[in-house]
Amino acid sequence: CQDIADSLDNGNKIDVIIVDFSKAFDLVPLGRLLTNTANSGVDSR
């Protein structure tokens, strides 16, 4: 709401897209998740 208000105050036009990612975690491939976790600095153990 603050971002929208700031844009309107500045005279900018606004486009809004709302996406529901419910259950998105269920679609993440486990191998990719673990690889990204390992590459993010998380202890290998």
Full PDB file with SEQRES, HELIX, SHEET, SSBOND, CRYST1, ORIGX, SCALE, CONECT and MASTER records, all heavy atoms in Angstrom:
SEQRES   1 A   45  CYS GLN ASP ILE ALA ASP SER LEU ASP ASN GLY ASN LYS          
SEQRES   2 A   45  ILE ASP VAL ILE ILE VAL ASP PHE SER LYS ALA PHE ASP          
SEQRES   3 A   45  LEU VAL PRO LEU GLY ARG LEU LEU THR ASN THR ALA ASN          
SEQRES   4 A   45  SER GLY VAL ASP SER ARG                                      
HELIX    1 AA1 GLN A    2  ASP A    9  1                                   8    
HELIX    2 AA2 ALA A   24  LEU A   27  5                                   4    
HELIX    3 AA3 LEU A   30  ASN A   39  1                                  10    
CRYST1    1.000    1.000    1.000  90.00  90.00  90.00 P 1           1          
ORIGX1      1.000000  0.000000  0.000000        0.00000                         
ORIGX2      0.000000  1.000000  0.000000        0.00000                         
ORIGX3      0.000000  0.000000  1.000000        0.00000                         
SCALE1      1.000000  0.000000  0.000000        0.00000                         
SCALE2      0.000000  1.000000  0.000000        0.00000                         
SCALE3      0.000000  0.000000  1.000000        0.00000                         
ATOM      1  N   CYS A   1       0.834  -1.214   0.000  1.00  0.00           N  
ATOM      2  CA  CYS A   1       0.000   0.000   0.000  1.00  0.00           C  
ATOM      3  C   CYS A   1       0.859   1.250   0.000  1.00  0.00           C  
ATOM      4  O   CYS A   1       0.550   2.232  -0.690  1.00  0.00           O  
ATOM      5  CB  CYS A   1      -0.939  -0.005   1.213  1.00  0.00           C  
ATOM      6  SG  CYS A   1      -2.255  -1.228   1.095  1.00  0.00           S  
ATOM      7  N   GLN A   2       1.963   1.244   0.743  1.00  0.00           N  
ATOM      8  CA  GLN A   2       2.862   2.397   0.770  1.00  0.00           C  
ATOM      9  C   GLN A   2       3.505   2.623  -0.589  1.00  0.00           C  
ATOM     10  O   GLN A   2       3.620   3.757  -1.062  1.00  0.00           O  
ATOM     11  CB  GLN A   2       3.947   2.217   1.843  1.00  0.00           C  
ATOM     12  CG  GLN A   2       4.818   3.445   2.027  1.00  0.00           C  
ATOM     13  CD  GLN A   2       4.010   4.640   2.506  1.00  0.00           C  
ATOM     14  OE1 GLN A   2       3.324   4.573   3.513  1.00  0.00           O  
ATOM     15  NE2 GLN A   2       4.088   5.753   1.775  1.00  0.00           N  
ATOM     16  N   ASP A   3       3.928   1.525  -1.250  1.00  0.00           N  
ATOM     17  CA  ASP A   3       4.508   1.641  -2.596  1.00  0.00           C  
ATOM     18  C   ASP A   3       3.498   2.229  -3.579  1.00  0.00           C  
ATOM     19  O   ASP A   3       3.845   3.080  -4.401  1.00  0.00           O  
ATOM     20  CB  ASP A   3       4.985   0.275  -3.098  1.00  0.00           C  
ATOM     21  CG  ASP A   3       6.223  -0.221  -2.380  1.00  0.00           C  
ATOM     22  OD1 ASP A   3       6.892   0.574  -1.696  1.00  0.00           O  
ATOM     23  OD2 ASP A   3       6.533  -1.431  -2.523  1.00  0.00           O  
ATOM     24  N   ILE A   4       2.262   1.790  -3.493  1.00  0.00           N  
ATOM     25  CA  ILE A   4       1.210   2.311  -4.377  1.00  0.00           C  
ATOM     26  C   ILE A   4       0.965   3.791  -4.090  1.00  0.00           C  
ATOM     27  O   ILE A   4       0.892   4.614  -5.004  1.00  0.00           O  
ATOM     28  CB  ILE A   4      -0.088   1.489  -4.233  1.00  0.00           C  
ATOM     29  CG1 ILE A   4       0.117   0.071  -4.798  1.00  0.00           C  
ATOM     30  CG2 ILE A   4      -1.255   2.180  -4.924  1.00  0.00           C  
ATOM     31  CD1 ILE A   4      -1.010  -0.893  -4.492  1.00  0.00           C  
ATOM     32  N   ALA A   5       0.857   4.133  -2.812  1.00  0.00           N  
ATOM     33  CA  ALA A   5       0.623   5.533  -2.435  1.00  0.00           C  
ATOM     34  C   ALA A   5       1.774   6.420  -2.911  1.00  0.00           C  
ATOM     35  O   ALA A   5       1.543   7.519  -3.439  1.00  0.00           O  
ATOM     36  CB  ALA A   5       0.445   5.647  -0.919  1.00  0.00           C  
ATOM     37  N   ASP A   6       3.017   5.959  -2.731  1.00  0.00           N  
ATOM     38  CA  ASP A   6       4.179   6.738  -3.175  1.00  0.00           C  
ATOM     39  C   ASP A   6       4.149   6.939  -4.687  1.00  0.00           C  
ATOM     40  O   ASP A   6       4.441   8.037  -5.184  1.00  0.00           O  
ATOM     41  CB  ASP A   6       5.488   6.045  -2.774  1.00  0.00           C  
ATOM     42  CG  ASP A   6       5.723   6.062  -1.273  1.00  0.00           C  
ATOM     43  OD1 ASP A   6       5.048   6.840  -0.550  1.00  0.00           O  
ATOM     44  OD2 ASP A   6       6.581   5.267  -0.817  1.00  0.00           O  
ATOM     45  N   SER A   7       3.815   5.903  -5.428  1.00  0.00           N  
ATOM     46  CA  SER A   7       3.754   6.004  -6.888  1.00  0.00           C  
ATOM     47  C   SER A   7       2.679   6.994  -7.322  1.00  0.00           C  
ATOM     48  O   SER A   7       2.896   7.808  -8.231  1.00  0.00           O  
ATOM     49  CB  SER A   7       3.485   4.635  -7.507  1.00  0.00           C  
ATOM     50  OG  SER A   7       4.589   3.783  -7.314  1.00  0.00           O  
ATOM     51  N   LEU A   8       1.512   6.912  -6.695  1.00  0.00           N  
ATOM     52  CA  LEU A   8       0.422   7.836  -7.040  1.00  0.00           C  
ATOM     53  C   LEU A   8       0.796   9.276  -6.688  1.00  0.00           C  
ATOM     54  O   LEU A   8       0.502  10.204  -7.451  1.00  0.00           O  
ATOM     55  CB  LEU A   8      -0.863   7.426  -6.323  1.00  0.00           C  
ATOM     56  CG  LEU A   8      -1.493   6.105  -6.795  1.00  0.00           C  
ATOM     57  CD1 LEU A   8      -2.661   5.728  -5.897  1.00  0.00           C  
ATOM     58  CD2 LEU A   8      -1.927   6.208  -8.248  1.00  0.00           C  
ATOM     59  N   ASP A   9       1.457   9.466  -5.536  1.00  0.00           N  
ATOM     60  CA  ASP A   9       1.897  10.804  -5.140  1.00  0.00           C  
ATOM     61  C   ASP A   9       2.882  11.390  -6.151  1.00  0.00           C  
ATOM     62  O   ASP A   9       2.915  12.599  -6.370  1.00  0.00           O  
ATOM     63  CB  ASP A   9       2.554  10.784  -3.759  1.00  0.00           C  
ATOM     64  CG  ASP A   9       1.552  10.591  -2.629  1.00  0.00           C  
ATOM     65  OD1 ASP A   9       0.329  10.747  -2.881  1.00  0.00           O  
ATOM     66  OD2 ASP A   9       1.982  10.257  -1.514  1.00  0.00           O  
ATOM     67  N   ASN A  10       3.680  10.514  -6.764  1.00  0.00           N  
ATOM     68  CA  ASN A  10       4.673  10.963  -7.752  1.00  0.00           C  
ATOM     69  C   ASN A  10       4.088  11.057  -9.159  1.00  0.00           C  
ATOM     70  O   ASN A  10       4.811  11.357 -10.101  1.00  0.00           O  
ATOM     71  CB  ASN A  10       5.871  10.014  -7.761  1.00  0.00           C  
ATOM     72  CG  ASN A  10       6.655  10.066  -6.472  1.00  0.00           C  
ATOM     73  OD1 ASN A  10       6.708  11.106  -5.821  1.00  0.00           O  
ATOM     74  ND2 ASN A  10       7.253   8.955  -6.091  1.00  0.00           N  
ATOM     75  N   GLY A  11       2.798  10.761  -9.297  1.00  0.00           N  
ATOM     76  CA  GLY A  11       2.140  10.848 -10.592  1.00  0.00           C  
ATOM     77  C   GLY A  11       2.449   9.691 -11.517  1.00  0.00           C  
ATOM     78  O   GLY A  11       2.243   9.785 -12.729  1.00  0.00           O  
ATOM     79  N   ASN A  12       2.951   8.605 -10.969  1.00  0.00           N  
ATOM     80  CA  ASN A  12       3.266   7.422 -11.779  1.00  0.00           C  
ATOM     81  C   ASN A  12       2.033   6.558 -11.973  1.00  0.00           C  
ATOM     82  O   ASN A  12       1.143   6.525 -11.119  1.00  0.00           O  
ATOM     83  CB  ASN A  12       4.362   6.584 -11.114  1.00  0.00           C  
ATOM     84  CG  ASN A  12       5.659   7.342 -10.959  1.00  0.00           C  
ATOM     85  OD1 ASN A  12       5.986   8.184 -11.771  1.00  0.00           O  
ATOM     86  ND2 ASN A  12       6.383   7.049  -9.896  1.00  0.00           N  
ATOM     87  N   LYS A  13       2.000   5.849 -13.103  1.00  0.00           N  
ATOM     88  CA  LYS A  13       0.948   4.866 -13.325  1.00  0.00           C  
ATOM     89  C   LYS A  13       1.390   3.551 -12.707  1.00  0.00           C  
ATOM     90  O   LYS A  13       2.585   3.265 -12.604  1.00  0.00           O  
ATOM     91  CB  LYS A  13       0.678   4.693 -14.811  1.00  0.00           C  
ATOM     92  CG  LYS A  13       0.100   5.950 -15.430  1.00  0.00           C  
ATOM     93  CD  LYS A  13      -0.293   5.727 -16.849  1.00  0.00           C  
ATOM     94  CE  LYS A  13      -0.892   7.028 -17.378  1.00  0.00           C  
ATOM     95  NZ  LYS A  13      -1.635   6.837 -18.584  1.00  0.00           N  
ATOM     96  N   ILE A  14       0.415   2.737 -12.327  1.00  0.00           N  
ATOM     97  CA  ILE A  14       0.723   1.490 -11.631  1.00  0.00           C  
ATOM     98  C   ILE A  14       0.023   0.331 -12.302  1.00  0.00           C  
ATOM     99  O   ILE A  14      -1.174   0.407 -12.599  1.00  0.00           O  
ATOM    100  CB  ILE A  14       0.260   1.560 -10.157  1.00  0.00           C  
ATOM    101  CG1 ILE A  14       0.896   2.742  -9.451  1.00  0.00           C  
ATOM    102  CG2 ILE A  14       0.573   0.266  -9.430  1.00  0.00           C  
ATOM    103  CD1 ILE A  14       0.257   3.043  -8.125  1.00  0.00           C  
ATOM    104  N   ASP A  15       0.759  -0.722 -12.552  1.00  0.00           N  
ATOM    105  CA  ASP A  15       0.193  -1.996 -12.979  1.00  0.00           C  
ATOM    106  C   ASP A  15       0.447  -2.984 -11.848  1.00  0.00           C  
ATOM    107  O   ASP A  15       1.543  -3.021 -11.286  1.00  0.00           O  
ATOM    108  CB  ASP A  15       0.860  -2.514 -14.254  1.00  0.00           C  
ATOM    109  CG  ASP A  15       0.562  -1.632 -15.453  1.00  0.00           C  
ATOM    110  OD1 ASP A  15      -0.567  -1.128 -15.538  1.00  0.00           O  
ATOM    111  OD2 ASP A  15       1.462  -1.451 -16.282  1.00  0.00           O  
ATOM    112  N   VAL A  16      -0.558  -3.771 -11.511  1.00  0.00           N  
ATOM    113  CA  VAL A  16      -0.414  -4.729 -10.424  1.00  0.00           C  
ATOM    114  C   VAL A  16      -0.767  -6.117 -10.929  1.00  0.00           C  
ATOM    115  O   VAL A  16      -1.794  -6.305 -11.586  1.00  0.00           O  
ATOM    116  CB  VAL A  16      -1.346  -4.365  -9.231  1.00  0.00           C  
ATOM    117  CG1 VAL A  16      -1.250  -5.404  -8.135  1.00  0.00           C  
ATOM    118  CG2 VAL A  16      -1.017  -2.984  -8.703  1.00  0.00           C  
ATOM    119  N   ILE A  17       0.094  -7.057 -10.627  1.00  0.00           N  
ATOM    120  CA  ILE A  17      -0.166  -8.463 -10.919  1.00  0.00           C  
ATOM    121  C   ILE A  17      -0.037  -9.212  -9.602  1.00  0.00           C  
ATOM    122  O   ILE A  17       0.973  -9.096  -8.911  1.00  0.00           O  
ATOM    123  CB  ILE A  17       0.842  -9.033 -11.937  1.00  0.00           C  
ATOM    124  CG1 ILE A  17       0.731  -8.293 -13.262  1.00  0.00           C  
ATOM    125  CG2 ILE A  17       0.628 -10.535 -12.116  1.00  0.00           C  
ATOM    126  CD1 ILE A  17       1.800  -8.672 -14.261  1.00  0.00           C  
ATOM    127  N   ILE A  18      -1.071  -9.942  -9.251  1.00  0.00           N  
ATOM    128  CA  ILE A  18      -1.050 -10.722  -8.013  1.00  0.00           C  
ATOM    129  C   ILE A  18      -1.066 -12.196  -8.392  1.00  0.00           C  
ATOM    130  O   ILE A  18      -1.936 -12.645  -9.133  1.00  0.00           O  
ATOM    131  CB  ILE A  18      -2.245 -10.372  -7.109  1.00  0.00           C  
ATOM    132  CG1 ILE A  18      -2.183  -8.890  -6.730  1.00  0.00           C  
ATOM    133  CG2 ILE A  18      -2.266 -11.260  -5.873  1.00  0.00           C  
ATOM    134  CD1 ILE A  18      -3.371  -8.386  -5.957  1.00  0.00           C  
ATOM    135  N   VAL A  19      -0.088 -12.935  -7.871  1.00  0.00           N  
ATOM    136  CA  VAL A  19       0.040 -14.361  -8.174  1.00  0.00           C  
ATOM    137  C   VAL A  19      -0.010 -15.124  -6.863  1.00  0.00           C  
ATOM    138  O   VAL A  19       0.666 -14.775  -5.894  1.00  0.00           O  
ATOM    139  CB  VAL A  19       1.376 -14.648  -8.908  1.00  0.00           C  
ATOM    140  CG1 VAL A  19       1.515 -16.120  -9.210  1.00  0.00           C  
ATOM    141  CG2 VAL A  19       1.471 -13.822 -10.171  1.00  0.00           C  
ATOM    142  N   ASP A  20      -0.805 -16.165  -6.828  1.00  0.00           N  
ATOM    143  CA  ASP A  20      -0.901 -17.013  -5.641  1.00  0.00           C  
ATOM    144  C   ASP A  20      -0.005 -18.223  -5.843  1.00  0.00           C  
ATOM    145  O   ASP A  20      -0.243 -19.058  -6.713  1.00  0.00           O  
ATOM    146  CB  ASP A  20      -2.356 -17.460  -5.436  1.00  0.00           C  
ATOM    147  CG  ASP A  20      -2.511 -18.354  -4.214  1.00  0.00           C  
ATOM    148  OD1 ASP A  20      -1.532 -18.547  -3.467  1.00  0.00           O  
ATOM    149  OD2 ASP A  20      -3.623 -18.862  -4.004  1.00  0.00           O  
ATOM    150  N   PHE A  21       1.046 -18.312  -5.045  1.00  0.00           N  
ATOM    151  CA  PHE A  21       1.982 -19.420  -5.139  1.00  0.00           C  
ATOM    152  C   PHE A  21       1.700 -20.471  -4.072  1.00  0.00           C  
ATOM    153  O   PHE A  21       2.612 -21.074  -3.546  1.00  0.00           O  
ATOM    154  CB  PHE A  21       3.420 -18.921  -4.987  1.00  0.00           C  
ATOM    155  CG  PHE A  21       3.913 -18.142  -6.167  1.00  0.00           C  
ATOM    156  CD1 PHE A  21       4.105 -16.776  -6.076  1.00  0.00           C  
ATOM    157  CD2 PHE A  21       4.184 -18.773  -7.366  1.00  0.00           C  
ATOM    158  CE1 PHE A  21       4.563 -16.048  -7.161  1.00  0.00           C  
ATOM    159  CE2 PHE A  21       4.643 -18.059  -8.454  1.00  0.00           C  
ATOM    160  CZ  PHE A  21       4.840 -16.697  -8.352  1.00  0.00           C  
ATOM    161  N   SER A  22       0.441 -20.695  -3.752  1.00  0.00           N  
ATOM    162  CA  SER A  22       0.122 -21.679  -2.733  1.00  0.00           C  
ATOM    163  C   SER A  22       0.634 -23.048  -3.165  1.00  0.00           C  
ATOM    164  O   SER A  22       0.564 -23.424  -4.331  1.00  0.00           O  
ATOM    165  CB  SER A  22      -1.384 -21.730  -2.465  1.00  0.00           C  
ATOM    166  OG  SER A  22      -2.070 -22.174  -3.601  1.00  0.00           O  
ATOM    167  N   LYS A  23       1.204 -23.745  -2.229  1.00  0.00           N  
ATOM    168  CA  LYS A  23       1.786 -25.075  -2.425  1.00  0.00           C  
ATOM    169  C   LYS A  23       2.940 -25.063  -3.418  1.00  0.00           C  
ATOM    170  O   LYS A  23       3.298 -26.093  -3.971  1.00  0.00           O  
ATOM    171  CB  LYS A  23       0.720 -26.078  -2.834  1.00  0.00           C  
ATOM    172  CG  LYS A  23      -0.369 -26.208  -1.779  1.00  0.00           C  
ATOM    173  CD  LYS A  23      -1.191 -27.421  -1.992  1.00  0.00           C  
ATOM    174  CE  LYS A  23      -2.246 -27.436  -0.903  1.00  0.00           C  
ATOM    175  NZ  LYS A  23      -2.850 -28.693  -0.715  1.00  0.00           N  
ATOM    176  N   ALA A  24       3.554 -23.909  -3.634  1.00  0.00           N  
ATOM    177  CA  ALA A  24       4.683 -23.818  -4.564  1.00  0.00           C  
ATOM    178  C   ALA A  24       5.853 -24.661  -4.077  1.00  0.00           C  
ATOM    179  O   ALA A  24       6.572 -25.260  -4.883  1.00  0.00           O  
ATOM    180  CB  ALA A  24       5.117 -22.362  -4.721  1.00  0.00           C  
ATOM    181  N   PHE A  25       6.043 -24.743  -2.759  1.00  0.00           N  
ATOM    182  CA  PHE A  25       7.163 -25.525  -2.220  1.00  0.00           C  
ATOM    183  C   PHE A  25       7.057 -26.995  -2.618  1.00  0.00           C  
ATOM    184  O   PHE A  25       8.067 -27.660  -2.818  1.00  0.00           O  
ATOM    185  CB  PHE A  25       7.223 -25.392  -0.697  1.00  0.00           C  
ATOM    186  CG  PHE A  25       8.432 -26.036  -0.099  1.00  0.00           C  
ATOM    187  CD1 PHE A  25       9.671 -25.412  -0.152  1.00  0.00           C  
ATOM    188  CD2 PHE A  25       8.340 -27.276   0.518  1.00  0.00           C  
ATOM    189  CE1 PHE A  25      10.792 -26.007   0.392  1.00  0.00           C  
ATOM    190  CE2 PHE A  25       9.456 -27.875   1.067  1.00  0.00           C  
ATOM    191  CZ  PHE A  25      10.678 -27.237   1.004  1.00  0.00           C  
ATOM    192  N   ASP A  26       5.836 -27.489  -2.762  1.00  0.00           N  
ATOM    193  CA  ASP A  26       5.633 -28.887  -3.148  1.00  0.00           C  
ATOM    194  C   ASP A  26       6.165 -29.175  -4.551  1.00  0.00           C  
ATOM    195  O   ASP A  26       6.394 -30.331  -4.903  1.00  0.00           O  
ATOM    196  CB  ASP A  26       4.144 -29.248  -3.102  1.00  0.00           C  
ATOM    197  CG  ASP A  26       3.573 -29.157  -1.697  1.00  0.00           C  
ATOM    198  OD1 ASP A  26       4.368 -29.158  -0.728  1.00  0.00           O  
ATOM    199  OD2 ASP A  26       2.342 -29.079  -1.570  1.00  0.00           O  
ATOM    200  N   LEU A  27       6.347 -28.141  -5.366  1.00  0.00           N  
ATOM    201  CA  LEU A  27       6.779 -28.312  -6.743  1.00  0.00           C  
ATOM    202  C   LEU A  27       8.287 -28.155  -6.926  1.00  0.00           C  
ATOM    203  O   LEU A  27       8.793 -28.361  -8.027  1.00  0.00           O  
ATOM    204  CB  LEU A  27       6.047 -27.309  -7.644  1.00  0.00           C  
ATOM    205  CG  LEU A  27       4.522 -27.376  -7.585  1.00  0.00           C  
ATOM    206  CD1 LEU A  27       3.920 -26.245  -8.407  1.00  0.00           C  
ATOM    207  CD2 LEU A  27       4.020 -28.717  -8.074  1.00  0.00           C  
ATOM    208  N   VAL A  28       9.006 -27.783  -5.871  1.00  0.00           N  
ATOM    209  CA  VAL A  28      10.452 -27.581  -5.972  1.00  0.00           C  
ATOM    210  C   VAL A  28      11.146 -28.941  -6.018  1.00  0.00           C  
ATOM    211  O   VAL A  28      10.947 -29.769  -5.132  1.00  0.00           O  
ATOM    212  CB  VAL A  28      10.975 -26.763  -4.768  1.00  0.00           C  
ATOM    213  CG1 VAL A  28      12.487 -26.653  -4.796  1.00  0.00           C  
ATOM    214  CG2 VAL A  28      10.324 -25.402  -4.721  1.00  0.00           C  
ATOM    215  N   PRO A  29      11.984 -29.185  -7.041  1.00  0.00           N  
ATOM    216  CA  PRO A  29      12.717 -30.459  -7.102  1.00  0.00           C  
ATOM    217  C   PRO A  29      13.695 -30.562  -5.919  1.00  0.00           C  
ATOM    218  O   PRO A  29      14.471 -29.628  -5.662  1.00  0.00           O  
ATOM    219  CB  PRO A  29      13.484 -30.379  -8.423  1.00  0.00           C  
ATOM    220  CG  PRO A  29      12.832 -29.288  -9.208  1.00  0.00           C  
ATOM    221  CD  PRO A  29      12.226 -28.347  -8.210  1.00  0.00           C  
ATOM    222  N   LEU A  30      13.659 -31.673  -5.205  1.00  0.00           N  
ATOM    223  CA  LEU A  30      14.463 -31.854  -3.998  1.00  0.00           C  
ATOM    224  C   LEU A  30      15.951 -31.691  -4.285  1.00  0.00           C  
ATOM    225  O   LEU A  30      16.668 -31.037  -3.525  1.00  0.00           O  
ATOM    226  CB  LEU A  30      14.187 -33.225  -3.378  1.00  0.00           C  
ATOM    227  CG  LEU A  30      15.004 -33.565  -2.135  1.00  0.00           C  
ATOM    228  CD1 LEU A  30      14.752 -32.544  -1.032  1.00  0.00           C  
ATOM    229  CD2 LEU A  30      14.670 -34.957  -1.655  1.00  0.00           C  
ATOM    230  N   GLY A  31      16.434 -32.271  -5.385  1.00  0.00           N  
ATOM    231  CA  GLY A  31      17.857 -32.158  -5.709  1.00  0.00           C  
ATOM    232  C   GLY A  31      18.291 -30.712  -5.867  1.00  0.00           C  
ATOM    233  O   GLY A  31      19.344 -30.297  -5.362  1.00  0.00           O  
ATOM    234  N   ARG A  32      17.489 -29.913  -6.555  1.00  0.00           N  
ATOM    235  CA  ARG A  32      17.819 -28.503  -6.767  1.00  0.00           C  
ATOM    236  C   ARG A  32      17.783 -27.746  -5.447  1.00  0.00           C  
ATOM    237  O   ARG A  32      18.632 -26.901  -5.177  1.00  0.00           O  
ATOM    238  CB  ARG A  32      16.849 -27.879  -7.762  1.00  0.00           C  
ATOM    239  CG  ARG A  32      17.241 -26.447  -8.122  1.00  0.00           C  
ATOM    240  CD  ARG A  32      16.325 -25.833  -9.144  1.00  0.00           C  
ATOM    241  NE  ARG A  32      16.233 -26.660 -10.339  1.00  0.00           N  
ATOM    242  CZ  ARG A  32      15.263 -26.556 -11.239  1.00  0.00           C  
ATOM    243  NH1 ARG A  32      14.314 -25.664 -11.077  1.00  0.00           N  
ATOM    244  NH2 ARG A  32      15.244 -27.322 -12.299  1.00  0.00           N  
ATOM    245  N   LEU A  33      16.796 -28.054  -4.609  1.00  0.00           N  
ATOM    246  CA  LEU A  33      16.691 -27.398  -3.308  1.00  0.00           C  
ATOM    247  C   LEU A  33      17.934 -27.677  -2.466  1.00  0.00           C  
ATOM    248  O   LEU A  33      18.521 -26.765  -1.882  1.00  0.00           O  
ATOM    249  CB  LEU A  33      15.440 -27.880  -2.576  1.00  0.00           C  
ATOM    250  CG  LEU A  33      15.259 -27.392  -1.143  1.00  0.00           C  
ATOM    251  CD1 LEU A  33      15.053 -25.886  -1.120  1.00  0.00           C  
ATOM    252  CD2 LEU A  33      14.103 -28.105  -0.484  1.00  0.00           C  
ATOM    253  N   LEU A  34      18.360 -28.933  -2.431  1.00  0.00           N  
ATOM    254  CA  LEU A  34      19.525 -29.293  -1.629  1.00  0.00           C  
ATOM    255  C   LEU A  34      20.806 -28.689  -2.198  1.00  0.00           C  
ATOM    256  O   LEU A  34      21.676 -28.227  -1.451  1.00  0.00           O  
ATOM    257  CB  LEU A  34      19.644 -30.814  -1.523  1.00  0.00           C  
ATOM    258  CG  LEU A  34      18.527 -31.477  -0.710  1.00  0.00           C  
ATOM    259  CD1 LEU A  34      18.595 -32.998  -0.850  1.00  0.00           C  
ATOM    260  CD2 LEU A  34      18.583 -31.066   0.745  1.00  0.00           C  
ATOM    261  N   THR A  35      20.938 -28.655  -3.524  1.00  0.00           N  
ATOM    262  CA  THR A  35      22.109 -28.048  -4.159  1.00  0.00           C  
ATOM    263  C   THR A  35      22.171 -26.565  -3.829  1.00  0.00           C  
ATOM    264  O   THR A  35      23.232 -26.044  -3.443  1.00  0.00           O  
ATOM    265  CB  THR A  35      22.072 -28.254  -5.691  1.00  0.00           C  
ATOM    266  OG1 THR A  35      22.092 -29.660  -5.955  1.00  0.00           O  
ATOM    267  CG2 THR A  35      23.250 -27.581  -6.361  1.00  0.00           C  
ATOM    268  N   ASN A  36      21.065 -25.866  -3.981  1.00  0.00           N  
ATOM    269  CA  ASN A  36      21.042 -24.433  -3.670  1.00  0.00           C  
ATOM    270  C   ASN A  36      21.304 -24.178  -2.192  1.00  0.00           C  
ATOM    271  O   ASN A  36      21.967 -23.202  -1.833  1.00  0.00           O  
ATOM    272  CB  ASN A  36      19.712 -23.812  -4.087  1.00  0.00           C  
ATOM    273  CG  ASN A  36      19.567 -23.709  -5.584  1.00  0.00           C  
ATOM    274  OD1 ASN A  36      20.536 -23.828  -6.328  1.00  0.00           O  
ATOM    275  ND2 ASN A  36      18.348 -23.496  -6.042  1.00  0.00           N  
ATOM    276  N   THR A  37      20.790 -25.050  -1.328  1.00  0.00           N  
ATOM    277  CA  THR A  37      21.033 -24.910   0.109  1.00  0.00           C  
ATOM    278  C   THR A  37      22.511 -25.078   0.403  1.00  0.00           C  
ATOM    279  O   THR A  37      23.109 -24.289   1.141  1.00  0.00           O  
ATOM    280  CB  THR A  37      20.193 -25.935   0.906  1.00  0.00           C  
ATOM    281  OG1 THR A  37      18.809 -25.740   0.599  1.00  0.00           O  
ATOM    282  CG2 THR A  37      20.410 -25.777   2.397  1.00  0.00           C  
ATOM    283  N   ALA A  38      23.127 -26.096  -0.192  1.00  0.00           N  
ATOM    284  CA  ALA A  38      24.558 -26.338   0.016  1.00  0.00           C  
ATOM    285  C   ALA A  38      25.391 -25.174  -0.505  1.00  0.00           C  
ATOM    286  O   ALA A  38      26.398 -24.790   0.109  1.00  0.00           O  
ATOM    287  CB  ALA A  38      24.971 -27.635  -0.670  1.00  0.00           C  
ATOM    288  N   ASN A  39      24.986 -24.576  -1.621  1.00  0.00           N  
ATOM    289  CA  ASN A  39      25.738 -23.471  -2.225  1.00  0.00           C  
ATOM    290  C   ASN A  39      25.520 -22.138  -1.521  1.00  0.00           C  
ATOM    291  O   ASN A  39      26.180 -21.155  -1.843  1.00  0.00           O  
ATOM    292  CB  ASN A  39      25.375 -23.323  -3.705  1.00  0.00           C  
ATOM    293  CG  ASN A  39      25.854 -24.490  -4.527  1.00  0.00           C  
ATOM    294  OD1 ASN A  39      26.800 -25.189  -4.144  1.00  0.00           O  
ATOM    295  ND2 ASN A  39      25.216 -24.723  -5.653  1.00  0.00           N  
ATOM    296  N   SER A  40      24.596 -22.095  -0.574  1.00  0.00           N  
ATOM    297  CA  SER A  40      24.278 -20.833   0.096  1.00  0.00           C  
ATOM    298  C   SER A  40      25.090 -20.610   1.369  1.00  0.00           C  
ATOM    299  O   SER A  40      24.881 -19.632   2.064  1.00  0.00           O  
ATOM    300  CB  SER A  40      22.786 -20.773   0.430  1.00  0.00           C  
ATOM    301  OG  SER A  40      22.480 -21.720   1.439  1.00  0.00           O  
ATOM    302  N   GLY A  41      26.019 -21.516   1.652  1.00  0.00           N  
ATOM    303  CA  GLY A  41      26.845 -21.346   2.841  1.00  0.00           C  
ATOM    304  C   GLY A  41      26.383 -22.143   4.038  1.00  0.00           C  
ATOM    305  O   GLY A  41      26.941 -22.020   5.126  1.00  0.00           O  
ATOM    306  N   VAL A  42      25.373 -22.973   3.856  1.00  0.00           N  
ATOM    307  CA  VAL A  42      24.878 -23.814   4.944  1.00  0.00           C  
ATOM    308  C   VAL A  42      25.875 -24.948   5.180  1.00  0.00           C  
ATOM    309  O   VAL A  42      26.400 -25.539   4.229  1.00  0.00           O  
ATOM    310  CB  VAL A  42      23.481 -24.388   4.595  1.00  0.00           C  
ATOM    311  CG1 VAL A  42      23.022 -25.420   5.603  1.00  0.00           C  
ATOM    312  CG2 VAL A  42      22.472 -23.249   4.493  1.00  0.00           C  
ATOM    313  N   ASP A  43      26.136 -25.244   6.441  1.00  0.00           N  
ATOM    314  CA  ASP A  43      27.045 -26.325   6.811  1.00  0.00           C  
ATOM    315  C   ASP A  43      26.611 -27.621   6.125  1.00  0.00           C  
ATOM    316  O   ASP A  43      25.423 -27.948   6.113  1.00  0.00           O  
ATOM    317  CB  ASP A  43      27.019 -26.499   8.331  1.00  0.00           C  
ATOM    318  CG  ASP A  43      28.052 -27.484   8.843  1.00  0.00           C  
ATOM    319  OD1 ASP A  43      27.942 -28.678   8.491  1.00  0.00           O  
ATOM    320  OD2 ASP A  43      28.929 -27.056   9.599  1.00  0.00           O  
ATOM    321  N   SER A  44      27.563 -28.352   5.552  1.00  0.00           N  
ATOM    322  CA  SER A  44      27.243 -29.568   4.801  1.00  0.00           C  
ATOM    323  C   SER A  44      26.543 -30.612   5.668  1.00  0.00           C  
ATOM    324  O   SER A  44      25.710 -31.377   5.174  1.00  0.00           O  
ATOM    325  CB  SER A  44      28.504 -30.168   4.178  1.00  0.00           C  
ATOM    326  OG  SER A  44      29.431 -30.529   5.183  1.00  0.00           O  
ATOM    327  N   ARG A  45      26.842 -30.641   6.969  1.00  0.00           N  
ATOM    328  CA  ARG A  45      26.168 -31.601   7.861  1.00  0.00           C  
ATOM    329  C   ARG A  45      24.679 -31.293   7.976  1.00  0.00           C  
ATOM    330  O   ARG A  45      23.847 -32.202   8.084  1.00  0.00           O  
ATOM    331  CB  ARG A  45      26.819 -31.595   9.243  1.00  0.00           C  
ATOM    332  CG  ARG A  45      28.266 -32.115   9.218  1.00  0.00           C  
ATOM    333  CD  ARG A  45      28.954 -31.871  10.521  1.00  0.00           C  
ATOM    334  NE  ARG A  45      29.066 -30.424  10.721  1.00  0.00           N  
ATOM    335  CZ  ARG A  45      29.681 -29.870  11.754  1.00  0.00           C  
ATOM    336  NH1 ARG A  45      30.220 -30.598  12.690  1.00  0.00           N  
ATOM    337  NH2 ARG A  45      29.746 -28.549  11.860  1.00  0.00           N  
TER     338      ARG A  45                                                      
MASTER        0    0    0    3    0    0    0    6  337    1    0    4          
END                                                                             
